[in-house]
Amino acid sequence: MALLGTAAMLLWYDIIPDQVAEHDDWHTRQHFPERVGIPGFIRAQRWVSSSPGARYFVVYEVVAIDVLSSAPYLERLNHPTAWTSRVMPAFRGMVRGFCRLDARYGSVLGTTALTLRYSAATGRGDRLRDWLHADLLPDLMQRKGFTSAFMLRSEREPEMTAEQRIRGRDASVDRVLLVTGYRPELMTNLAEKELGASSLEANGASSGTIAGIYQLACIAGAPS
């Protein structure tokens, strides 16, 4: 299945340019194996953008939302390794959400992703969900080049931990839409047209939606 589990921790952030290589090495060799070794963590994904906006989009798929407030996870957050403590000050603009999976479409994870961070306008949440859930996303899954889509909603605010104190307080999310496929130009077109600001607002979203297009860099699964 393209997105595993019933919940996910989603992160968007930048890294100081001269620390990008160090971050990628740390993230691949230590951080991902550490995270997927925590009970309830299923898989970790790192996506990278070359466009304006947050450079990184990271997904940690978990069995259930409670995993993200579990004692084993908080133990790691409050006792960072020496390498983690060196890398964390290079983080900039961290956005972090503990989200439950509301709906999924398709069964294949594509190599290009469009992420949308958005909120519903007052009194229009049902209209927005119906448009995405019943109209747009099922139609997308019938088009060549698209492979999967996921609607997620923030379930709780992450608590302050030692790691967060090193890098600075994280911003939060409300609702998230993730669409994946294998033709990058389709994601660009989707972000500009059907999932552009004017279309979203016409169908019930509030202003201020943030879009990003990312390429899959690496995936780590939990040890068997």
N, C-alpha and C. Protein backbone atom coordinates (compact mmCIF):
# COMPACT_ATOMS: atom_id res chain seq x y z
N MET A 1 0.85 -1.20 0.00
CA MET A 1 0.00 0.00 0.00
C MET A 1 0.88 1.25 0.00
N ALA A 2 0.44 2.28 -0.68
CA ALA A 2 1.28 3.45 -0.89
C ALA A 2 1.64 4.18 0.39
N LEU A 3 0.69 4.39 1.29
CA LEU A 3 0.98 5.01 2.59
C LEU A 3 0.54 4.02 3.65
N LEU A 4 1.45 3.63 4.52
CA LEU A 4 1.21 2.55 5.48
C LEU A 4 0.72 3.10 6.82
N GLY A 5 -0.04 2.29 7.55
CA GLY A 5 -0.51 2.70 8.86
C GLY A 5 -1.75 3.58 8.78
N THR A 6 -2.16 4.09 9.94
CA THR A 6 -3.35 4.94 10.03
C THR A 6 -3.03 6.38 10.36
N ALA A 7 -1.74 6.70 10.51
CA ALA A 7 -1.34 8.06 10.87
C ALA A 7 0.08 8.30 10.38
N ALA A 8 0.48 9.57 10.42
CA ALA A 8 1.83 9.91 9.96
C ALA A 8 2.28 11.20 10.61
N MET A 9 3.58 11.30 10.84
CA MET A 9 4.19 12.57 11.20
C MET A 9 4.76 13.16 9.91
N LEU A 10 4.38 14.41 9.63
CA LEU A 10 4.79 15.09 8.40
C LEU A 10 5.63 16.30 8.76
N LEU A 11 6.73 16.50 8.04
CA LEU A 11 7.64 17.61 8.33
C LEU A 11 8.05 18.29 7.04
N TRP A 12 8.12 19.62 7.09
CA TRP A 12 8.67 20.44 6.01
C TRP A 12 9.71 21.36 6.64
N TYR A 13 10.89 21.49 6.03
CA TYR A 13 11.91 22.36 6.62
C TYR A 13 13.03 22.62 5.63
N ASP A 14 13.86 23.59 5.98
CA ASP A 14 15.09 23.91 5.25
C ASP A 14 16.30 23.62 6.13
N ILE A 15 17.44 23.57 5.48
CA ILE A 15 18.73 23.40 6.16
C ILE A 15 19.67 24.48 5.66
N ILE A 16 20.47 25.05 6.54
CA ILE A 16 21.50 26.01 6.12
C ILE A 16 22.28 25.39 4.96
N PRO A 17 22.45 26.12 3.85
CA PRO A 17 23.04 25.52 2.65
C PRO A 17 24.35 24.76 2.86
N ASP A 18 25.25 25.30 3.67
CA ASP A 18 26.54 24.61 3.81
C ASP A 18 26.46 23.39 4.71
N GLN A 19 25.25 23.09 5.26
CA GLN A 19 25.06 21.91 6.10
C GLN A 19 24.20 20.84 5.43
N VAL A 20 23.83 21.07 4.17
CA VAL A 20 22.95 20.12 3.48
C VAL A 20 23.58 18.74 3.37
N ALA A 21 24.83 18.66 2.97
CA ALA A 21 25.48 17.35 2.82
C ALA A 21 25.57 16.62 4.16
N GLU A 22 25.91 17.37 5.22
CA GLU A 22 25.98 16.75 6.54
C GLU A 22 24.60 16.27 6.99
N HIS A 23 23.58 17.09 6.76
CA HIS A 23 22.21 16.69 7.12
C HIS A 23 21.82 15.40 6.40
N ASP A 24 22.07 15.34 5.09
CA ASP A 24 21.65 14.17 4.33
C ASP A 24 22.36 12.91 4.79
N ASP A 25 23.63 13.02 5.14
CA ASP A 25 24.38 11.88 5.63
C ASP A 25 23.83 11.42 6.98
N TRP A 26 23.63 12.36 7.90
CA TRP A 26 23.06 12.07 9.22
C TRP A 26 21.66 11.48 9.11
N HIS A 27 20.84 12.10 8.29
CA HIS A 27 19.45 11.68 8.15
C HIS A 27 19.36 10.25 7.62
N THR A 28 20.26 9.91 6.69
CA THR A 28 20.25 8.59 6.06
C THR A 28 20.87 7.53 6.95
N ARG A 29 22.03 7.84 7.53
CA ARG A 29 22.79 6.83 8.26
C ARG A 29 22.34 6.64 9.71
N GLN A 30 21.87 7.72 10.34
CA GLN A 30 21.52 7.60 11.76
C GLN A 30 20.04 7.85 12.04
N HIS A 31 19.52 8.98 11.54
CA HIS A 31 18.20 9.40 11.98
C HIS A 31 17.09 8.46 11.51
N PHE A 32 17.10 8.10 10.23
CA PHE A 32 16.08 7.18 9.73
C PHE A 32 16.13 5.82 10.44
N PRO A 33 17.30 5.18 10.52
CA PRO A 33 17.33 3.90 11.24
C PRO A 33 16.88 4.03 12.69
N GLU A 34 17.25 5.14 13.34
CA GLU A 34 16.82 5.36 14.73
C GLU A 34 15.31 5.45 14.83
N ARG A 35 14.70 6.24 13.94
CA ARG A 35 13.26 6.44 14.02
C ARG A 35 12.48 5.17 13.69
N VAL A 36 12.82 4.46 12.63
CA VAL A 36 12.05 3.28 12.28
C VAL A 36 12.31 2.12 13.24
N GLY A 37 13.30 2.26 14.12
CA GLY A 37 13.52 1.27 15.16
C GLY A 37 12.62 1.45 16.37
N ILE A 38 11.87 2.56 16.44
CA ILE A 38 10.95 2.82 17.55
C ILE A 38 9.68 2.01 17.33
N PRO A 39 9.17 1.32 18.35
CA PRO A 39 7.95 0.53 18.18
C PRO A 39 6.80 1.38 17.63
N GLY A 40 6.13 0.85 16.62
CA GLY A 40 5.00 1.55 16.02
C GLY A 40 5.35 2.35 14.79
N PHE A 41 6.64 2.67 14.58
CA PHE A 41 7.06 3.32 13.34
C PHE A 41 7.19 2.26 12.25
N ILE A 42 6.61 2.53 11.08
CA ILE A 42 6.59 1.55 10.00
C ILE A 42 7.61 1.87 8.93
N ARG A 43 7.65 3.14 8.52
CA ARG A 43 8.50 3.52 7.38
C ARG A 43 8.79 5.01 7.43
N ALA A 44 9.93 5.40 6.86
CA ALA A 44 10.31 6.81 6.77
C ALA A 44 10.63 7.14 5.32
N GLN A 45 10.20 8.33 4.89
CA GLN A 45 10.45 8.78 3.52
C GLN A 45 11.08 10.18 3.57
N ARG A 46 12.07 10.42 2.74
CA ARG A 46 12.61 11.77 2.58
C ARG A 46 12.41 12.20 1.13
N TRP A 47 11.81 13.36 0.97
CA TRP A 47 11.57 13.97 -0.33
C TRP A 47 12.32 15.30 -0.38
N VAL A 48 12.77 15.69 -1.58
CA VAL A 48 13.56 16.91 -1.74
C VAL A 48 13.01 17.74 -2.88
N SER A 49 12.98 19.06 -2.69
CA SER A 49 12.51 19.99 -3.71
C SER A 49 13.65 20.89 -4.17
N SER A 50 13.64 21.22 -5.44
CA SER A 50 14.59 22.20 -5.96
C SER A 50 13.89 23.53 -6.25
N SER A 51 12.61 23.62 -5.89
CA SER A 51 11.82 24.82 -6.13
C SER A 51 11.82 25.70 -4.88
N PRO A 52 11.37 26.95 -5.00
CA PRO A 52 11.27 27.81 -3.81
C PRO A 52 10.34 27.17 -2.77
N GLY A 53 10.60 27.46 -1.49
CA GLY A 53 9.84 26.85 -0.41
C GLY A 53 10.71 25.88 0.36
N ALA A 54 10.10 25.12 1.24
CA ALA A 54 10.86 24.18 2.07
C ALA A 54 11.60 23.16 1.20
N ARG A 55 12.88 22.96 1.48
CA ARG A 55 13.68 22.02 0.69
C ARG A 55 13.25 20.58 0.93
N TYR A 56 12.93 20.25 2.18
CA TYR A 56 12.65 18.86 2.55
C TYR A 56 11.20 18.65 2.95
N PHE A 57 10.67 17.50 2.56
CA PHE A 57 9.40 16.99 3.04
C PHE A 57 9.68 15.57 3.54
N VAL A 58 9.37 15.30 4.80
CA VAL A 58 9.67 14.01 5.41
C VAL A 58 8.39 13.41 5.98
N VAL A 59 8.23 12.12 5.76
CA VAL A 59 7.05 11.39 6.23
C VAL A 59 7.50 10.23 7.10
N TYR A 60 6.92 10.13 8.30
CA TYR A 60 7.10 8.96 9.15
C TYR A 60 5.73 8.29 9.30
N GLU A 61 5.58 7.13 8.69
CA GLU A 61 4.32 6.40 8.78
C GLU A 61 4.30 5.57 10.06
N VAL A 62 3.19 5.64 10.79
CA VAL A 62 3.08 4.95 12.07
C VAL A 62 1.79 4.13 12.13
N VAL A 63 1.80 3.14 13.01
CA VAL A 63 0.65 2.25 13.17
C VAL A 63 -0.59 3.03 13.59
N ALA A 64 -0.41 3.94 14.56
CA ALA A 64 -1.53 4.73 15.09
C ALA A 64 -0.98 6.05 15.62
N ILE A 65 -1.84 7.03 15.76
CA ILE A 65 -1.42 8.36 16.18
C ILE A 65 -0.77 8.35 17.56
N ASP A 66 -1.18 7.44 18.43
CA ASP A 66 -0.63 7.39 19.79
C ASP A 66 0.86 7.07 19.81
N VAL A 67 1.37 6.46 18.75
CA VAL A 67 2.81 6.16 18.67
C VAL A 67 3.62 7.44 18.80
N LEU A 68 3.07 8.56 18.33
CA LEU A 68 3.81 9.82 18.29
C LEU A 68 3.84 10.53 19.65
N SER A 69 3.17 9.98 20.64
CA SER A 69 3.30 10.48 22.02
C SER A 69 3.72 9.35 22.96
N SER A 70 4.24 8.27 22.38
CA SER A 70 4.63 7.11 23.18
C SER A 70 5.93 7.36 23.94
N ALA A 71 6.13 6.62 25.01
CA ALA A 71 7.34 6.75 25.81
C ALA A 71 8.62 6.47 25.02
N PRO A 72 8.67 5.43 24.17
CA PRO A 72 9.91 5.19 23.40
C PRO A 72 10.26 6.34 22.45
N TYR A 73 9.23 6.94 21.83
CA TYR A 73 9.51 8.05 20.92
C TYR A 73 9.97 9.28 21.70
N LEU A 74 9.29 9.61 22.79
CA LEU A 74 9.69 10.78 23.58
C LEU A 74 11.08 10.58 24.20
N GLU A 75 11.43 9.35 24.51
CA GLU A 75 12.76 9.06 25.03
C GLU A 75 13.83 9.48 24.02
N ARG A 76 13.62 9.17 22.75
CA ARG A 76 14.59 9.54 21.74
C ARG A 76 14.61 11.06 21.56
N LEU A 77 13.45 11.70 21.53
CA LEU A 77 13.40 13.15 21.32
C LEU A 77 14.08 13.91 22.46
N ASN A 78 13.99 13.40 23.63
CA ASN A 78 14.55 14.09 24.79
C ASN A 78 15.97 13.68 25.12
N HIS A 79 16.52 12.73 24.36
CA HIS A 79 17.91 12.32 24.54
C HIS A 79 18.58 12.19 23.17
N PRO A 80 18.73 13.31 22.46
CA PRO A 80 19.33 13.26 21.13
C PRO A 80 20.78 12.80 21.18
N THR A 81 21.20 12.13 20.10
CA THR A 81 22.60 11.71 20.00
C THR A 81 23.49 12.93 19.81
N ALA A 82 24.77 12.73 19.95
CA ALA A 82 25.72 13.83 19.73
C ALA A 82 25.64 14.35 18.30
N TRP A 83 25.49 13.44 17.33
CA TRP A 83 25.39 13.85 15.93
C TRP A 83 24.11 14.66 15.71
N THR A 84 23.00 14.20 16.28
CA THR A 84 21.74 14.95 16.17
C THR A 84 21.88 16.34 16.75
N SER A 85 22.53 16.45 17.89
CA SER A 85 22.71 17.75 18.55
C SER A 85 23.55 18.69 17.70
N ARG A 86 24.47 18.15 16.91
CA ARG A 86 25.28 18.99 16.04
C ARG A 86 24.50 19.46 14.81
N VAL A 87 23.60 18.61 14.31
CA VAL A 87 22.88 18.93 13.08
C VAL A 87 21.68 19.83 13.33
N MET A 88 21.00 19.66 14.45
CA MET A 88 19.73 20.37 14.70
C MET A 88 19.82 21.90 14.57
N PRO A 89 20.89 22.56 14.98
CA PRO A 89 20.94 24.02 14.83
C PRO A 89 20.90 24.50 13.37
N ALA A 90 21.14 23.59 12.41
CA ALA A 90 21.12 23.97 11.00
C ALA A 90 19.71 23.98 10.42
N PHE A 91 18.71 23.50 11.19
CA PHE A 91 17.33 23.46 10.70
C PHE A 91 16.74 24.87 10.68
N ARG A 92 15.91 25.13 9.68
CA ARG A 92 15.21 26.40 9.57
C ARG A 92 13.76 26.15 9.13
N GLY A 93 12.84 26.89 9.73
CA GLY A 93 11.44 26.89 9.28
C GLY A 93 10.72 25.57 9.43
N MET A 94 10.99 24.83 10.50
CA MET A 94 10.37 23.52 10.68
C MET A 94 8.85 23.63 10.84
N VAL A 95 8.12 22.89 10.03
CA VAL A 95 6.67 22.69 10.17
C VAL A 95 6.47 21.21 10.43
N ARG A 96 5.72 20.89 11.49
CA ARG A 96 5.63 19.49 11.92
C ARG A 96 4.21 19.18 12.36
N GLY A 97 3.62 18.13 11.79
CA GLY A 97 2.25 17.77 12.12
C GLY A 97 2.11 16.31 12.48
N PHE A 98 1.33 16.03 13.53
CA PHE A 98 0.93 14.67 13.89
C PHE A 98 -0.46 14.47 13.30
N CYS A 99 -0.55 13.70 12.22
CA CYS A 99 -1.77 13.65 11.42
C CYS A 99 -2.35 12.24 11.33
N ARG A 100 -3.66 12.18 11.38
CA ARG A 100 -4.32 10.91 11.09
C ARG A 100 -4.68 10.88 9.60
N LEU A 101 -4.72 9.68 9.06
CA LEU A 101 -5.05 9.50 7.66
C LEU A 101 -6.56 9.44 7.51
N ASP A 102 -7.13 10.40 6.80
CA ASP A 102 -8.58 10.46 6.61
C ASP A 102 -9.04 9.66 5.40
N ALA A 103 -8.28 9.67 4.32
CA ALA A 103 -8.68 8.96 3.11
C ALA A 103 -7.46 8.67 2.26
N ARG A 104 -7.52 7.57 1.55
CA ARG A 104 -6.41 7.21 0.65
C ARG A 104 -6.98 6.74 -0.68
N TYR A 105 -6.20 6.98 -1.73
CA TYR A 105 -6.60 6.63 -3.09
C TYR A 105 -5.39 6.05 -3.79
N GLY A 106 -5.55 4.94 -4.48
CA GLY A 106 -4.43 4.32 -5.18
C GLY A 106 -3.60 3.46 -4.26
N SER A 107 -2.74 2.64 -4.85
CA SER A 107 -1.94 1.70 -4.06
C SER A 107 -0.46 1.73 -4.39
N VAL A 108 -0.02 2.72 -5.17
CA VAL A 108 1.38 2.82 -5.58
C VAL A 108 1.93 4.18 -5.18
N LEU A 109 3.11 4.19 -4.57
CA LEU A 109 3.75 5.44 -4.20
C LEU A 109 4.58 5.93 -5.38
N GLY A 110 4.23 7.11 -5.90
CA GLY A 110 4.98 7.67 -7.02
C GLY A 110 6.29 8.28 -6.57
N THR A 111 7.09 8.74 -7.51
CA THR A 111 8.40 9.33 -7.21
C THR A 111 8.37 10.85 -7.18
N THR A 112 7.24 11.46 -7.58
CA THR A 112 7.05 12.89 -7.47
C THR A 112 5.81 13.14 -6.61
N ALA A 113 5.89 14.11 -5.72
CA ALA A 113 4.77 14.39 -4.82
C ALA A 113 4.43 15.87 -4.84
N LEU A 114 3.14 16.14 -4.79
CA LEU A 114 2.63 17.48 -4.53
C LEU A 114 2.08 17.48 -3.12
N THR A 115 2.56 18.38 -2.27
CA THR A 115 2.00 18.52 -0.93
C THR A 115 1.26 19.84 -0.83
N LEU A 116 0.10 19.81 -0.20
CA LEU A 116 -0.69 21.00 0.06
C LEU A 116 -1.00 21.06 1.54
N ARG A 117 -0.63 22.19 2.17
CA ARG A 117 -1.02 22.46 3.55
C ARG A 117 -2.12 23.51 3.48
N TYR A 118 -3.29 23.17 4.00
CA TYR A 118 -4.44 24.03 3.80
C TYR A 118 -5.40 23.95 4.98
N SER A 119 -6.39 24.84 4.99
CA SER A 119 -7.47 24.84 5.97
C SER A 119 -8.77 25.13 5.25
N ALA A 120 -9.87 24.74 5.86
CA ALA A 120 -11.18 25.02 5.29
C ALA A 120 -11.66 26.39 5.76
N ALA A 121 -12.35 27.10 4.89
CA ALA A 121 -12.98 28.35 5.28
C ALA A 121 -14.10 28.06 6.27
N THR A 122 -14.41 29.00 7.11
CA THR A 122 -15.44 28.83 8.12
C THR A 122 -16.75 28.35 7.50
N GLY A 123 -17.27 27.24 8.02
CA GLY A 123 -18.53 26.71 7.55
C GLY A 123 -18.49 25.98 6.23
N ARG A 124 -17.29 25.80 5.66
CA ARG A 124 -17.19 25.18 4.34
C ARG A 124 -16.36 23.90 4.34
N GLY A 125 -16.09 23.36 5.52
CA GLY A 125 -15.27 22.16 5.60
C GLY A 125 -15.89 20.97 4.90
N ASP A 126 -17.20 20.77 5.03
CA ASP A 126 -17.85 19.64 4.37
C ASP A 126 -17.82 19.80 2.86
N ARG A 127 -18.03 21.02 2.39
CA ARG A 127 -17.98 21.28 0.94
C ARG A 127 -16.61 20.95 0.38
N LEU A 128 -15.57 21.37 1.08
CA LEU A 128 -14.20 21.14 0.62
C LEU A 128 -13.88 19.65 0.60
N ARG A 129 -14.23 18.96 1.68
CA ARG A 129 -13.95 17.52 1.75
C ARG A 129 -14.71 16.78 0.65
N ASP A 130 -15.98 17.11 0.43
CA ASP A 130 -16.77 16.41 -0.59
C ASP A 130 -16.17 16.61 -1.98
N TRP A 131 -15.70 17.83 -2.27
CA TRP A 131 -15.11 18.10 -3.57
C TRP A 131 -13.85 17.26 -3.78
N LEU A 132 -12.98 17.24 -2.77
CA LEU A 132 -11.75 16.46 -2.89
C LEU A 132 -12.03 14.96 -2.89
N HIS A 133 -12.84 14.52 -1.94
CA HIS A 133 -13.03 13.09 -1.69
C HIS A 133 -13.90 12.43 -2.77
N ALA A 134 -14.94 13.12 -3.20
CA ALA A 134 -15.89 12.50 -4.13
C ALA A 134 -15.65 12.86 -5.59
N ASP A 135 -15.05 14.02 -5.82
CA ASP A 135 -14.91 14.49 -7.20
C ASP A 135 -13.47 14.46 -7.71
N LEU A 136 -12.62 15.33 -7.16
CA LEU A 136 -11.31 15.53 -7.77
C LEU A 136 -10.40 14.31 -7.64
N LEU A 137 -10.20 13.81 -6.43
CA LEU A 137 -9.18 12.77 -6.23
C LEU A 137 -9.54 11.45 -6.91
N PRO A 138 -10.77 10.96 -6.86
CA PRO A 138 -11.09 9.75 -7.64
C PRO A 138 -10.84 9.94 -9.13
N ASP A 139 -11.12 11.15 -9.63
CA ASP A 139 -10.87 11.41 -11.05
C ASP A 139 -9.38 11.39 -11.36
N LEU A 140 -8.57 11.98 -10.47
CA LEU A 140 -7.11 11.97 -10.68
C LEU A 140 -6.57 10.56 -10.81
N MET A 141 -7.10 9.64 -10.00
CA MET A 141 -6.58 8.27 -10.00
C MET A 141 -6.89 7.52 -11.29
N GLN A 142 -7.73 8.08 -12.14
CA GLN A 142 -8.02 7.48 -13.43
C GLN A 142 -7.12 8.03 -14.54
N ARG A 143 -6.32 9.03 -14.22
CA ARG A 143 -5.48 9.67 -15.22
C ARG A 143 -4.08 9.05 -15.25
N LYS A 144 -3.52 8.95 -16.43
CA LYS A 144 -2.16 8.43 -16.56
C LYS A 144 -1.17 9.36 -15.87
N GLY A 145 -0.24 8.76 -15.14
CA GLY A 145 0.81 9.54 -14.49
C GLY A 145 0.59 9.77 -13.01
N PHE A 146 -0.65 9.62 -12.53
CA PHE A 146 -0.94 9.76 -11.10
C PHE A 146 -1.03 8.38 -10.47
N THR A 147 -0.52 8.24 -9.25
CA THR A 147 -0.47 6.91 -8.63
C THR A 147 -1.20 6.80 -7.31
N SER A 148 -1.25 7.87 -6.51
CA SER A 148 -1.91 7.78 -5.21
C SER A 148 -2.17 9.19 -4.67
N ALA A 149 -3.09 9.26 -3.71
CA ALA A 149 -3.38 10.53 -3.04
C ALA A 149 -3.86 10.23 -1.63
N PHE A 150 -3.59 11.18 -0.73
CA PHE A 150 -3.92 10.98 0.69
C PHE A 150 -4.40 12.28 1.30
N MET A 151 -5.49 12.20 2.05
CA MET A 151 -6.00 13.33 2.82
C MET A 151 -5.69 13.07 4.28
N LEU A 152 -5.02 14.02 4.93
CA LEU A 152 -4.64 13.88 6.33
C LEU A 152 -5.08 15.11 7.10
N ARG A 153 -5.28 14.92 8.40
CA ARG A 153 -5.72 16.02 9.24
C ARG A 153 -4.95 15.98 10.57
N SER A 154 -4.51 17.15 11.03
CA SER A 154 -3.77 17.21 12.29
C SER A 154 -4.63 16.69 13.43
N GLU A 155 -4.04 15.84 14.24
CA GLU A 155 -4.76 15.23 15.35
C GLU A 155 -4.39 15.86 16.70
N ARG A 156 -3.13 16.25 16.83
CA ARG A 156 -2.68 16.84 18.09
C ARG A 156 -1.41 17.65 17.85
N GLU A 157 -1.11 18.53 18.79
CA GLU A 157 0.10 19.35 18.69
C GLU A 157 1.29 18.59 19.27
N PRO A 158 2.40 18.52 18.56
CA PRO A 158 3.61 17.91 19.14
C PRO A 158 4.06 18.69 20.37
N GLU A 159 4.48 17.99 21.39
CA GLU A 159 4.93 18.67 22.60
C GLU A 159 6.39 19.10 22.47
N MET A 160 6.76 20.08 23.27
CA MET A 160 8.14 20.56 23.27
C MET A 160 9.07 19.47 23.83
N THR A 161 10.18 19.24 23.13
CA THR A 161 11.16 18.25 23.55
C THR A 161 12.57 18.84 23.42
N ALA A 162 13.56 18.07 23.85
CA ALA A 162 14.94 18.55 23.79
C ALA A 162 15.36 18.83 22.34
N GLU A 163 14.97 17.97 21.39
CA GLU A 163 15.33 18.20 20.00
C GLU A 163 14.74 19.51 19.49
N GLN A 164 13.46 19.76 19.82
CA GLN A 164 12.83 20.97 19.34
C GLN A 164 13.45 22.21 19.97
N ARG A 165 13.87 22.11 21.20
CA ARG A 165 14.50 23.27 21.84
C ARG A 165 15.82 23.63 21.16
N ILE A 166 16.52 22.64 20.62
CA ILE A 166 17.77 22.91 19.93
C ILE A 166 17.52 23.69 18.63
N ARG A 167 16.50 23.27 17.86
CA ARG A 167 16.28 23.88 16.54
C ARG A 167 15.30 25.04 16.58
N GLY A 168 14.53 25.21 17.67
CA GLY A 168 13.52 26.25 17.75
C GLY A 168 12.12 25.67 17.60
N ARG A 169 11.12 26.39 18.10
CA ARG A 169 9.76 25.88 18.11
C ARG A 169 9.25 25.62 16.69
N ASP A 170 8.56 24.47 16.53
CA ASP A 170 8.01 24.08 15.24
C ASP A 170 6.67 24.76 14.99
N ALA A 171 6.39 25.07 13.72
CA ALA A 171 5.06 25.52 13.31
C ALA A 171 4.19 24.28 13.11
N SER A 172 2.87 24.49 13.06
CA SER A 172 1.93 23.37 12.98
C SER A 172 1.20 23.36 11.64
N VAL A 173 0.42 22.31 11.42
CA VAL A 173 -0.40 22.17 10.21
C VAL A 173 -1.85 21.94 10.62
N ASP A 174 -2.76 22.11 9.66
CA ASP A 174 -4.17 21.79 9.88
C ASP A 174 -4.54 20.58 9.03
N ARG A 175 -4.73 20.79 7.75
CA ARG A 175 -5.05 19.70 6.84
C ARG A 175 -3.94 19.59 5.79
N VAL A 176 -3.74 18.36 5.30
CA VAL A 176 -2.69 18.11 4.31
C VAL A 176 -3.25 17.22 3.21
N LEU A 177 -2.93 17.56 1.99
CA LEU A 177 -3.22 16.72 0.84
C LEU A 177 -1.90 16.34 0.20
N LEU A 178 -1.70 15.05 -0.03
CA LEU A 178 -0.49 14.53 -0.67
C LEU A 178 -0.91 13.76 -1.91
N VAL A 179 -0.40 14.16 -3.06
CA VAL A 179 -0.67 13.48 -4.33
C VAL A 179 0.67 13.02 -4.90
N THR A 180 0.75 11.75 -5.34
CA THR A 180 2.00 11.26 -5.92
C THR A 180 1.78 10.72 -7.33
N GLY A 181 2.86 10.72 -8.10
CA GLY A 181 2.81 10.22 -9.47
C GLY A 181 4.21 10.04 -10.00
N TYR A 182 4.32 9.81 -11.30
CA TYR A 182 5.63 9.57 -11.91
C TYR A 182 5.94 10.52 -13.05
N ARG A 183 5.14 11.58 -13.21
CA ARG A 183 5.42 12.60 -14.23
C ARG A 183 5.41 13.97 -13.56
N PRO A 184 6.59 14.53 -13.29
CA PRO A 184 6.67 15.79 -12.55
C PRO A 184 5.85 16.92 -13.14
N GLU A 185 5.75 16.99 -14.48
CA GLU A 185 5.01 18.09 -15.08
C GLU A 185 3.52 18.05 -14.73
N LEU A 186 2.99 16.86 -14.45
CA LEU A 186 1.59 16.76 -14.05
C LEU A 186 1.36 17.40 -12.68
N MET A 187 2.32 17.24 -11.79
CA MET A 187 2.19 17.83 -10.45
C MET A 187 2.26 19.35 -10.53
N THR A 188 3.12 19.87 -11.37
CA THR A 188 3.21 21.31 -11.55
C THR A 188 1.90 21.87 -12.09
N ASN A 189 1.36 21.20 -13.08
CA ASN A 189 0.10 21.63 -13.68
C ASN A 189 -1.05 21.55 -12.66
N LEU A 190 -1.07 20.49 -11.87
CA LEU A 190 -2.11 20.32 -10.86
C LEU A 190 -2.04 21.42 -9.81
N ALA A 191 -0.82 21.76 -9.39
CA ALA A 191 -0.65 22.81 -8.38
C ALA A 191 -1.05 24.18 -8.90
N GLU A 192 -0.94 24.37 -10.20
CA GLU A 192 -1.26 25.68 -10.77
C GLU A 192 -2.74 25.80 -11.14
N LYS A 193 -3.39 24.69 -11.44
CA LYS A 193 -4.76 24.75 -11.95
C LYS A 193 -5.76 24.15 -10.96
N GLU A 194 -6.04 22.86 -11.04
CA GLU A 194 -7.11 22.27 -10.22
C GLU A 194 -6.88 22.39 -8.73
N LEU A 195 -5.62 22.39 -8.30
CA LEU A 195 -5.32 22.57 -6.88
C LEU A 195 -4.62 23.91 -6.64
N GLY A 196 -4.80 24.84 -7.54
CA GLY A 196 -4.31 26.20 -7.33
C GLY A 196 -5.17 26.95 -6.34
N ALA A 197 -4.70 28.09 -5.90
CA ALA A 197 -5.37 28.85 -4.84
C ALA A 197 -6.80 29.21 -5.20
N SER A 198 -7.04 29.68 -6.43
CA SER A 198 -8.39 30.11 -6.79
C SER A 198 -9.37 28.95 -6.82
N SER A 199 -8.92 27.79 -7.31
CA SER A 199 -9.78 26.61 -7.35
C SER A 199 -10.09 26.11 -5.95
N LEU A 200 -9.07 26.04 -5.09
CA LEU A 200 -9.27 25.59 -3.72
C LEU A 200 -10.23 26.51 -2.97
N GLU A 201 -10.05 27.80 -3.10
CA GLU A 201 -10.91 28.74 -2.39
C GLU A 201 -12.35 28.70 -2.91
N ALA A 202 -12.50 28.47 -4.21
CA ALA A 202 -13.85 28.36 -4.78
C ALA A 202 -14.58 27.13 -4.25
N ASN A 203 -13.81 26.13 -3.83
CA ASN A 203 -14.41 24.89 -3.34
C ASN A 203 -14.36 24.74 -1.82
N GLY A 204 -14.04 25.83 -1.11
CA GLY A 204 -14.18 25.80 0.34
C GLY A 204 -12.93 25.98 1.16
N ALA A 205 -11.76 26.15 0.55
CA ALA A 205 -10.54 26.35 1.32
C ALA A 205 -10.39 27.82 1.70
N SER A 206 -9.74 28.07 2.81
CA SER A 206 -9.40 29.44 3.17
C SER A 206 -8.15 29.85 2.40
N SER A 207 -7.83 31.14 2.41
CA SER A 207 -6.62 31.60 1.73
C SER A 207 -5.39 31.16 2.51
N GLY A 208 -4.25 31.17 1.84
CA GLY A 208 -3.01 30.83 2.53
C GLY A 208 -2.52 29.42 2.33
N THR A 209 -3.09 28.68 1.38
CA THR A 209 -2.61 27.32 1.09
C THR A 209 -1.15 27.36 0.65
N ILE A 210 -0.37 26.38 1.12
CA ILE A 210 1.06 26.30 0.78
C ILE A 210 1.30 25.01 0.01
N ALA A 211 1.80 25.13 -1.21
CA ALA A 211 2.06 23.97 -2.05
C ALA A 211 3.55 23.75 -2.23
N GLY A 212 3.94 22.50 -2.43
CA GLY A 212 5.33 22.16 -2.72
C GLY A 212 5.39 20.93 -3.59
N ILE A 213 6.38 20.85 -4.47
CA ILE A 213 6.57 19.69 -5.33
C ILE A 213 7.92 19.07 -5.01
N TYR A 214 7.92 17.76 -4.77
CA TYR A 214 9.10 17.08 -4.24
C TYR A 214 9.40 15.80 -5.03
N GLN A 215 10.68 15.45 -5.03
CA GLN A 215 11.14 14.19 -5.61
C GLN A 215 11.58 13.25 -4.48
N LEU A 216 11.21 11.98 -4.61
CA LEU A 216 11.57 11.00 -3.58
C LEU A 216 13.08 10.79 -3.57
N ALA A 217 13.69 10.92 -2.38
CA ALA A 217 15.14 10.73 -2.25
C ALA A 217 15.48 9.37 -1.67
N CYS A 218 14.79 8.95 -0.59
CA CYS A 218 15.08 7.66 0.01
C CYS A 218 13.96 7.21 0.94
N ILE A 219 13.90 5.91 1.19
CA ILE A 219 12.89 5.30 2.05
C ILE A 219 13.60 4.34 3.00
N ALA A 220 13.17 4.30 4.25
CA ALA A 220 13.69 3.34 5.23
C ALA A 220 12.51 2.62 5.87
N GLY A 221 12.55 1.30 5.92
CA GLY A 221 11.51 0.51 6.55
C GLY A 221 11.94 0.03 7.92
N ALA A 222 10.97 -0.30 8.75
CA ALA A 222 11.27 -0.83 10.08
C ALA A 222 11.98 -2.16 9.97
N PRO A 223 12.91 -2.46 10.87
CA PRO A 223 13.61 -3.75 10.81
C PRO A 223 12.65 -4.90 11.02
N SER A 224 12.86 -5.99 10.30
CA SER A 224 11.97 -7.14 10.43
C SER A 224 12.39 -7.99 11.62
